[in-house]
Amino acid sequence: DGTPITSVNIAGNGTTAIAAAALFG
């Protein structure tokens, strides 16, 4: 619905993995 959850910084050509619990509690 557009509600912000979080913002993560990612290096150029980089990746990040985020677990569902970190997004939805």
mmCIF file of all heavy atoms, coordinates in Angstrom:
data_MODEL
# 
_entry.id   MODEL 
# 
loop_
_atom_site.group_PDB 
_atom_site.id 
_atom_site.type_symbol 
_atom_site.label_atom_id 
_atom_site.label_alt_id 
_atom_site.label_comp_id 
_atom_site.label_asym_id 
_atom_site.label_entity_id 
_atom_site.label_seq_id 
_atom_site.pdbx_PDB_ins_code 
_atom_site.Cartn_x 
_atom_site.Cartn_y 
_atom_site.Cartn_z 
_atom_site.occupancy 
_atom_site.B_iso_or_equiv 
_atom_site.pdbx_formal_charge 
_atom_site.auth_seq_id 
_atom_site.auth_comp_id 
_atom_site.auth_asym_id 
_atom_site.auth_atom_id 
_atom_site.pdbx_PDB_model_num 
ATOM 1   N N   . ASP A 1 1  ? 0.816  -1.213  0.000   1.00 0.00 ? 1  ASP A N   1 
ATOM 2   C CA  . ASP A 1 1  ? 0.000  0.000   0.000   1.00 0.00 ? 1  ASP A CA  1 
ATOM 3   C C   . ASP A 1 1  ? 0.852  1.266   0.000   1.00 0.00 ? 1  ASP A C   1 
ATOM 4   O O   . ASP A 1 1  ? 0.331  2.368   0.103   1.00 0.00 ? 1  ASP A O   1 
ATOM 5   C CB  . ASP A 1 1  ? -0.951 0.013   1.193   1.00 0.00 ? 1  ASP A CB  1 
ATOM 6   C CG  . ASP A 1 1  ? -0.223 0.076   2.535   1.00 0.00 ? 1  ASP A CG  1 
ATOM 7   O OD1 . ASP A 1 1  ? 1.030  0.032   2.555   1.00 0.00 ? 1  ASP A OD1 1 
ATOM 8   O OD2 . ASP A 1 1  ? -0.901 0.159   3.581   1.00 0.00 ? 1  ASP A OD2 1 
ATOM 9   N N   . GLY A 1 2  ? 2.172  1.108   -0.136  1.00 0.00 ? 2  GLY A N   1 
ATOM 10  C CA  . GLY A 1 2  ? 3.069  2.246   -0.178  1.00 0.00 ? 2  GLY A CA  1 
ATOM 11  C C   . GLY A 1 2  ? 3.615  2.669   1.166   1.00 0.00 ? 2  GLY A C   1 
ATOM 12  O O   . GLY A 1 2  ? 4.418  3.603   1.233   1.00 0.00 ? 2  GLY A O   1 
ATOM 13  N N   . THR A 1 3  ? 3.214  2.007   2.251   1.00 0.00 ? 3  THR A N   1 
ATOM 14  C CA  . THR A 1 3  ? 3.730  2.372   3.566   1.00 0.00 ? 3  THR A CA  1 
ATOM 15  C C   . THR A 1 3  ? 5.214  2.038   3.649   1.00 0.00 ? 3  THR A C   1 
ATOM 16  O O   . THR A 1 3  ? 5.601  0.882   3.450   1.00 0.00 ? 3  THR A O   1 
ATOM 17  C CB  . THR A 1 3  ? 2.982  1.607   4.674   1.00 0.00 ? 3  THR A CB  1 
ATOM 18  O OG1 . THR A 1 3  ? 1.592  1.891   4.580   1.00 0.00 ? 3  THR A OG1 1 
ATOM 19  C CG2 . THR A 1 3  ? 3.503  2.001   6.052   1.00 0.00 ? 3  THR A CG2 1 
ATOM 20  N N   . PRO A 1 4  ? 6.067  3.020   3.927   1.00 0.00 ? 4  PRO A N   1 
ATOM 21  C CA  . PRO A 1 4  ? 7.508  2.727   3.995   1.00 0.00 ? 4  PRO A CA  1 
ATOM 22  C C   . PRO A 1 4  ? 7.835  1.735   5.099   1.00 0.00 ? 4  PRO A C   1 
ATOM 23  O O   . PRO A 1 4  ? 7.258  1.764   6.182   1.00 0.00 ? 4  PRO A O   1 
ATOM 24  C CB  . PRO A 1 4  ? 8.136  4.097   4.281   1.00 0.00 ? 4  PRO A CB  1 
ATOM 25  C CG  . PRO A 1 4  ? 7.102  5.096   3.876   1.00 0.00 ? 4  PRO A CG  1 
ATOM 26  C CD  . PRO A 1 4  ? 5.780  4.450   4.153   1.00 0.00 ? 4  PRO A CD  1 
ATOM 27  N N   . ILE A 1 5  ? 8.775  0.851   4.797   1.00 0.00 ? 5  ILE A N   1 
ATOM 28  C CA  . ILE A 1 5  ? 9.267  -0.096  5.796   1.00 0.00 ? 5  ILE A CA  1 
ATOM 29  C C   . ILE A 1 5  ? 10.685 0.273   6.219   1.00 0.00 ? 5  ILE A C   1 
ATOM 30  O O   . ILE A 1 5  ? 10.962 0.497   7.390   1.00 0.00 ? 5  ILE A O   1 
ATOM 31  C CB  . ILE A 1 5  ? 9.243  -1.538  5.254   1.00 0.00 ? 5  ILE A CB  1 
ATOM 32  C CG1 . ILE A 1 5  ? 7.814  -1.956  4.904   1.00 0.00 ? 5  ILE A CG1 1 
ATOM 33  C CG2 . ILE A 1 5  ? 9.846  -2.504  6.276   1.00 0.00 ? 5  ILE A CG2 1 
ATOM 34  C CD1 . ILE A 1 5  ? 7.717  -3.329  4.265   1.00 0.00 ? 5  ILE A CD1 1 
ATOM 35  N N   . THR A 1 6  ? 11.578 0.335   5.240   1.00 0.00 ? 6  THR A N   1 
ATOM 36  C CA  . THR A 1 6  ? 12.970 0.645   5.556   1.00 0.00 ? 6  THR A CA  1 
ATOM 37  C C   . THR A 1 6  ? 13.677 1.068   4.278   1.00 0.00 ? 6  THR A C   1 
ATOM 38  O O   . THR A 1 6  ? 13.135 0.961   3.179   1.00 0.00 ? 6  THR A O   1 
ATOM 39  C CB  . THR A 1 6  ? 13.685 -0.571  6.186   1.00 0.00 ? 6  THR A CB  1 
ATOM 40  O OG1 . THR A 1 6  ? 14.962 -0.173  6.685   1.00 0.00 ? 6  THR A OG1 1 
ATOM 41  C CG2 . THR A 1 6  ? 13.877 -1.685  5.177   1.00 0.00 ? 6  THR A CG2 1 
ATOM 42  N N   . SER A 1 7  ? 14.875 1.559   4.438   1.00 0.00 ? 7  SER A N   1 
ATOM 43  C CA  . SER A 1 7  ? 15.740 1.904   3.315   1.00 0.00 ? 7  SER A CA  1 
ATOM 44  C C   . SER A 1 7  ? 17.117 1.326   3.605   1.00 0.00 ? 7  SER A C   1 
ATOM 45  O O   . SER A 1 7  ? 17.616 1.422   4.736   1.00 0.00 ? 7  SER A O   1 
ATOM 46  C CB  . SER A 1 7  ? 15.826 3.422   3.148   1.00 0.00 ? 7  SER A CB  1 
ATOM 47  O OG  . SER A 1 7  ? 16.627 3.769   2.044   1.00 0.00 ? 7  SER A OG  1 
ATOM 48  N N   . VAL A 1 8  ? 17.713 0.691   2.596   1.00 0.00 ? 8  VAL A N   1 
ATOM 49  C CA  . VAL A 1 8  ? 19.030 0.079   2.777   1.00 0.00 ? 8  VAL A CA  1 
ATOM 50  C C   . VAL A 1 8  ? 19.980 0.615   1.720   1.00 0.00 ? 8  VAL A C   1 
ATOM 51  O O   . VAL A 1 8  ? 19.598 0.820   0.561   1.00 0.00 ? 8  VAL A O   1 
ATOM 52  C CB  . VAL A 1 8  ? 18.954 -1.459  2.692   1.00 0.00 ? 8  VAL A CB  1 
ATOM 53  C CG1 . VAL A 1 8  ? 18.180 -2.021  3.867   1.00 0.00 ? 8  VAL A CG1 1 
ATOM 54  C CG2 . VAL A 1 8  ? 18.337 -1.918  1.387   1.00 0.00 ? 8  VAL A CG2 1 
ATOM 55  N N   . ASN A 1 9  ? 21.205 0.862   2.115   1.00 0.00 ? 9  ASN A N   1 
ATOM 56  C CA  . ASN A 1 9  ? 22.232 1.318   1.182   1.00 0.00 ? 9  ASN A CA  1 
ATOM 57  C C   . ASN A 1 9  ? 22.945 0.107   0.587   1.00 0.00 ? 9  ASN A C   1 
ATOM 58  O O   . ASN A 1 9  ? 23.299 -0.835  1.302   1.00 0.00 ? 9  ASN A O   1 
ATOM 59  C CB  . ASN A 1 9  ? 23.235 2.219   1.895   1.00 0.00 ? 9  ASN A CB  1 
ATOM 60  C CG  . ASN A 1 9  ? 22.621 3.535   2.325   1.00 0.00 ? 9  ASN A CG  1 
ATOM 61  O OD1 . ASN A 1 9  ? 21.810 4.122   1.605   1.00 0.00 ? 9  ASN A OD1 1 
ATOM 62  N ND2 . ASN A 1 9  ? 22.993 4.010   3.506   1.00 0.00 ? 9  ASN A ND2 1 
ATOM 63  N N   . ILE A 1 10 ? 23.143 0.140   -0.716  1.00 0.00 ? 10 ILE A N   1 
ATOM 64  C CA  . ILE A 1 10 ? 23.791 -0.965  -1.421  1.00 0.00 ? 10 ILE A CA  1 
ATOM 65  C C   . ILE A 1 10 ? 24.895 -0.382  -2.292  1.00 0.00 ? 10 ILE A C   1 
ATOM 66  O O   . ILE A 1 10 ? 24.669 0.563   -3.054  1.00 0.00 ? 10 ILE A O   1 
ATOM 67  C CB  . ILE A 1 10 ? 22.793 -1.753  -2.290  1.00 0.00 ? 10 ILE A CB  1 
ATOM 68  C CG1 . ILE A 1 10 ? 21.568 -2.171  -1.479  1.00 0.00 ? 10 ILE A CG1 1 
ATOM 69  C CG2 . ILE A 1 10 ? 23.472 -2.983  -2.888  1.00 0.00 ? 10 ILE A CG2 1 
ATOM 70  C CD1 . ILE A 1 10 ? 20.506 -2.874  -2.291  1.00 0.00 ? 10 ILE A CD1 1 
ATOM 71  N N   . ALA A 1 11 ? 26.078 -0.953  -2.180  1.00 0.00 ? 11 ALA A N   1 
ATOM 72  C CA  . ALA A 1 11 ? 27.214 -0.485  -2.964  1.00 0.00 ? 11 ALA A CA  1 
ATOM 73  C C   . ALA A 1 11 ? 26.963 -0.708  -4.449  1.00 0.00 ? 11 ALA A C   1 
ATOM 74  O O   . ALA A 1 11 ? 26.142 -1.537  -4.851  1.00 0.00 ? 11 ALA A O   1 
ATOM 75  C CB  . ALA A 1 11 ? 28.477 -1.225  -2.527  1.00 0.00 ? 11 ALA A CB  1 
ATOM 76  N N   . GLY A 1 12 ? 27.694 0.018   -5.269  1.00 0.00 ? 12 GLY A N   1 
ATOM 77  C CA  . GLY A 1 12 ? 27.636 -0.232  -6.693  1.00 0.00 ? 12 GLY A CA  1 
ATOM 78  C C   . GLY A 1 12 ? 27.955 -1.684  -6.995  1.00 0.00 ? 12 GLY A C   1 
ATOM 79  O O   . GLY A 1 12 ? 28.950 -2.224  -6.490  1.00 0.00 ? 12 GLY A O   1 
ATOM 80  N N   . ASN A 1 13 ? 27.108 -2.347  -7.770  1.00 0.00 ? 13 ASN A N   1 
ATOM 81  C CA  . ASN A 1 13 ? 27.223 -3.771  -8.108  1.00 0.00 ? 13 ASN A CA  1 
ATOM 82  C C   . ASN A 1 13 ? 27.053 -4.691  -6.901  1.00 0.00 ? 13 ASN A C   1 
ATOM 83  O O   . ASN A 1 13 ? 27.316 -5.892  -7.000  1.00 0.00 ? 13 ASN A O   1 
ATOM 84  C CB  . ASN A 1 13 ? 28.562 -4.078  -8.785  1.00 0.00 ? 13 ASN A CB  1 
ATOM 85  C CG  . ASN A 1 13 ? 28.732 -3.327  -10.086 1.00 0.00 ? 13 ASN A CG  1 
ATOM 86  O OD1 . ASN A 1 13 ? 27.805 -3.233  -10.873 1.00 0.00 ? 13 ASN A OD1 1 
ATOM 87  N ND2 . ASN A 1 13 ? 29.923 -2.779  -10.298 1.00 0.00 ? 13 ASN A ND2 1 
ATOM 88  N N   . GLY A 1 14 ? 26.608 -4.149  -5.784  1.00 0.00 ? 14 GLY A N   1 
ATOM 89  C CA  . GLY A 1 14 ? 26.487 -4.945  -4.568  1.00 0.00 ? 14 GLY A CA  1 
ATOM 90  C C   . GLY A 1 14 ? 25.107 -5.539  -4.392  1.00 0.00 ? 14 GLY A C   1 
ATOM 91  O O   . GLY A 1 14 ? 24.180 -5.303  -5.175  1.00 0.00 ? 14 GLY A O   1 
ATOM 92  N N   . THR A 1 15 ? 24.964 -6.331  -3.339  1.00 0.00 ? 15 THR A N   1 
ATOM 93  C CA  . THR A 1 15 ? 23.695 -6.976  -3.009  1.00 0.00 ? 15 THR A CA  1 
ATOM 94  C C   . THR A 1 15 ? 23.472 -6.920  -1.510  1.00 0.00 ? 15 THR A C   1 
ATOM 95  O O   . THR A 1 15 ? 24.408 -6.730  -0.723  1.00 0.00 ? 15 THR A O   1 
ATOM 96  C CB  . THR A 1 15 ? 23.667 -8.454  -3.459  1.00 0.00 ? 15 THR A CB  1 
ATOM 97  O OG1 . THR A 1 15 ? 24.776 -9.141  -2.870  1.00 0.00 ? 15 THR A OG1 1 
ATOM 98  C CG2 . THR A 1 15 ? 23.740 -8.580  -4.964  1.00 0.00 ? 15 THR A CG2 1 
ATOM 99  N N   . THR A 1 16 ? 22.221 -7.127  -1.129  1.00 0.00 ? 16 THR A N   1 
ATOM 100 C CA  . THR A 1 16 ? 21.896 -7.276  0.286   1.00 0.00 ? 16 THR A CA  1 
ATOM 101 C C   . THR A 1 16 ? 20.735 -8.245  0.412   1.00 0.00 ? 16 THR A C   1 
ATOM 102 O O   . THR A 1 16 ? 19.879 -8.321  -0.478  1.00 0.00 ? 16 THR A O   1 
ATOM 103 C CB  . THR A 1 16 ? 21.543 -5.928  0.943   1.00 0.00 ? 16 THR A CB  1 
ATOM 104 O OG1 . THR A 1 16 ? 21.469 -6.080  2.358   1.00 0.00 ? 16 THR A OG1 1 
ATOM 105 C CG2 . THR A 1 16 ? 20.211 -5.398  0.435   1.00 0.00 ? 16 THR A CG2 1 
ATOM 106 N N   . ALA A 1 17 ? 20.721 -9.026  1.493   1.00 0.00 ? 17 ALA A N   1 
ATOM 107 C CA  . ALA A 1 17 ? 19.647 -9.980  1.770   1.00 0.00 ? 17 ALA A CA  1 
ATOM 108 C C   . ALA A 1 17 ? 18.938 -9.537  3.040   1.00 0.00 ? 17 ALA A C   1 
ATOM 109 O O   . ALA A 1 17 ? 19.577 -9.220  4.049   1.00 0.00 ? 17 ALA A O   1 
ATOM 110 C CB  . ALA A 1 17 ? 20.200 -11.393 1.923   1.00 0.00 ? 17 ALA A CB  1 
ATOM 111 N N   . ILE A 1 18 ? 17.602 -9.519  2.989   1.00 0.00 ? 18 ILE A N   1 
ATOM 112 C CA  . ILE A 1 18 ? 16.802 -9.061  4.120   1.00 0.00 ? 18 ILE A CA  1 
ATOM 113 C C   . ILE A 1 18 ? 15.745 -10.119 4.416   1.00 0.00 ? 18 ILE A C   1 
ATOM 114 O O   . ILE A 1 18 ? 14.966 -10.500 3.529   1.00 0.00 ? 18 ILE A O   1 
ATOM 115 C CB  . ILE A 1 18 ? 16.120 -7.715  3.823   1.00 0.00 ? 18 ILE A CB  1 
ATOM 116 C CG1 . ILE A 1 18 ? 17.152 -6.679  3.362   1.00 0.00 ? 18 ILE A CG1 1 
ATOM 117 C CG2 . ILE A 1 18 ? 15.394 -7.203  5.057   1.00 0.00 ? 18 ILE A CG2 1 
ATOM 118 C CD1 . ILE A 1 18 ? 16.539 -5.380  2.913   1.00 0.00 ? 18 ILE A CD1 1 
ATOM 119 N N   . ALA A 1 19 ? 15.701 -10.580 5.668   1.00 0.00 ? 19 ALA A N   1 
ATOM 120 C CA  . ALA A 1 19 ? 14.725 -11.581 6.066   1.00 0.00 ? 19 ALA A CA  1 
ATOM 121 C C   . ALA A 1 19 ? 13.358 -10.948 6.251   1.00 0.00 ? 19 ALA A C   1 
ATOM 122 O O   . ALA A 1 19 ? 13.228 -9.765  6.595   1.00 0.00 ? 19 ALA A O   1 
ATOM 123 C CB  . ALA A 1 19 ? 15.172 -12.261 7.356   1.00 0.00 ? 19 ALA A CB  1 
ATOM 124 N N   . ALA A 1 20 ? 12.320 -11.749 6.037   1.00 0.00 ? 20 ALA A N   1 
ATOM 125 C CA  . ALA A 1 20 ? 10.953 -11.255 6.181   1.00 0.00 ? 20 ALA A CA  1 
ATOM 126 C C   . ALA A 1 20 ? 10.698 -10.698 7.571   1.00 0.00 ? 20 ALA A C   1 
ATOM 127 O O   . ALA A 1 20 ? 9.987  -9.698  7.729   1.00 0.00 ? 20 ALA A O   1 
ATOM 128 C CB  . ALA A 1 20 ? 9.967  -12.374 5.864   1.00 0.00 ? 20 ALA A CB  1 
ATOM 129 N N   . ALA A 1 21 ? 11.269 -11.323 8.595   1.00 0.00 ? 21 ALA A N   1 
ATOM 130 C CA  . ALA A 1 21 ? 11.046 -10.840 9.958   1.00 0.00 ? 21 ALA A CA  1 
ATOM 131 C C   . ALA A 1 21 ? 11.573 -9.425  10.152  1.00 0.00 ? 21 ALA A C   1 
ATOM 132 O O   . ALA A 1 21 ? 11.027 -8.649  10.943  1.00 0.00 ? 21 ALA A O   1 
ATOM 133 C CB  . ALA A 1 21 ? 11.694 -11.795 10.959  1.00 0.00 ? 21 ALA A CB  1 
ATOM 134 N N   . ALA A 1 22 ? 12.637 -9.066  9.439   1.00 0.00 ? 22 ALA A N   1 
ATOM 135 C CA  . ALA A 1 22 ? 13.173 -7.710  9.538   1.00 0.00 ? 22 ALA A CA  1 
ATOM 136 C C   . ALA A 1 22 ? 12.280 -6.700  8.833   1.00 0.00 ? 22 ALA A C   1 
ATOM 137 O O   . ALA A 1 22 ? 12.364 -5.497  9.106   1.00 0.00 ? 22 ALA A O   1 
ATOM 138 C CB  . ALA A 1 22 ? 14.579 -7.668  8.945   1.00 0.00 ? 22 ALA A CB  1 
ATOM 139 N N   . LEU A 1 23 ? 11.425 -7.185  7.921   1.00 0.00 ? 23 LEU A N   1 
ATOM 140 C CA  . LEU A 1 23 ? 10.529 -6.294  7.185   1.00 0.00 ? 23 LEU A CA  1 
ATOM 141 C C   . LEU A 1 23 ? 9.150  -6.192  7.826   1.00 0.00 ? 23 LEU A C   1 
ATOM 142 O O   . LEU A 1 23 ? 8.547  -5.117  7.844   1.00 0.00 ? 23 LEU A O   1 
ATOM 143 C CB  . LEU A 1 23 ? 10.388 -6.786  5.745   1.00 0.00 ? 23 LEU A CB  1 
ATOM 144 C CG  . LEU A 1 23 ? 11.665 -6.819  4.914   1.00 0.00 ? 23 LEU A CG  1 
ATOM 145 C CD1 . LEU A 1 23 ? 11.417 -7.517  3.590   1.00 0.00 ? 23 LEU A CD1 1 
ATOM 146 C CD2 . LEU A 1 23 ? 12.195 -5.407  4.692   1.00 0.00 ? 23 LEU A CD2 1 
ATOM 147 N N   . PHE A 1 24 ? 8.640  -7.304  8.336   1.00 0.00 ? 24 PHE A N   1 
ATOM 148 C CA  . PHE A 1 24 ? 7.269  -7.340  8.842   1.00 0.00 ? 24 PHE A CA  1 
ATOM 149 C C   . PHE A 1 24 ? 7.177  -7.514  10.351  1.00 0.00 ? 24 PHE A C   1 
ATOM 150 O O   . PHE A 1 24 ? 6.069  -7.477  10.897  1.00 0.00 ? 24 PHE A O   1 
ATOM 151 C CB  . PHE A 1 24 ? 6.493  -8.469  8.154   1.00 0.00 ? 24 PHE A CB  1 
ATOM 152 C CG  . PHE A 1 24 ? 6.364  -8.296  6.667   1.00 0.00 ? 24 PHE A CG  1 
ATOM 153 C CD1 . PHE A 1 24 ? 7.166  -9.024  5.802   1.00 0.00 ? 24 PHE A CD1 1 
ATOM 154 C CD2 . PHE A 1 24 ? 5.449  -7.409  6.122   1.00 0.00 ? 24 PHE A CD2 1 
ATOM 155 C CE1 . PHE A 1 24 ? 7.048  -8.881  4.426   1.00 0.00 ? 24 PHE A CE1 1 
ATOM 156 C CE2 . PHE A 1 24 ? 5.324  -7.255  4.752   1.00 0.00 ? 24 PHE A CE2 1 
ATOM 157 C CZ  . PHE A 1 24 ? 6.129  -7.988  3.899   1.00 0.00 ? 24 PHE A CZ  1 
ATOM 158 N N   . GLY A 1 25 ? 8.310  -7.733  11.026  1.00 0.00 ? 25 GLY A N   1 
ATOM 159 C CA  . GLY A 1 25 ? 8.267  -7.939  12.466  1.00 0.00 ? 25 GLY A CA  1 
ATOM 160 C C   . GLY A 1 25 ? 7.515  -9.211  12.809  1.00 0.00 ? 25 GLY A C   1 
ATOM 161 O O   . GLY A 1 25 ? 7.747  -10.270 12.228  1.00 0.00 ? 25 GLY A O   1 
# 
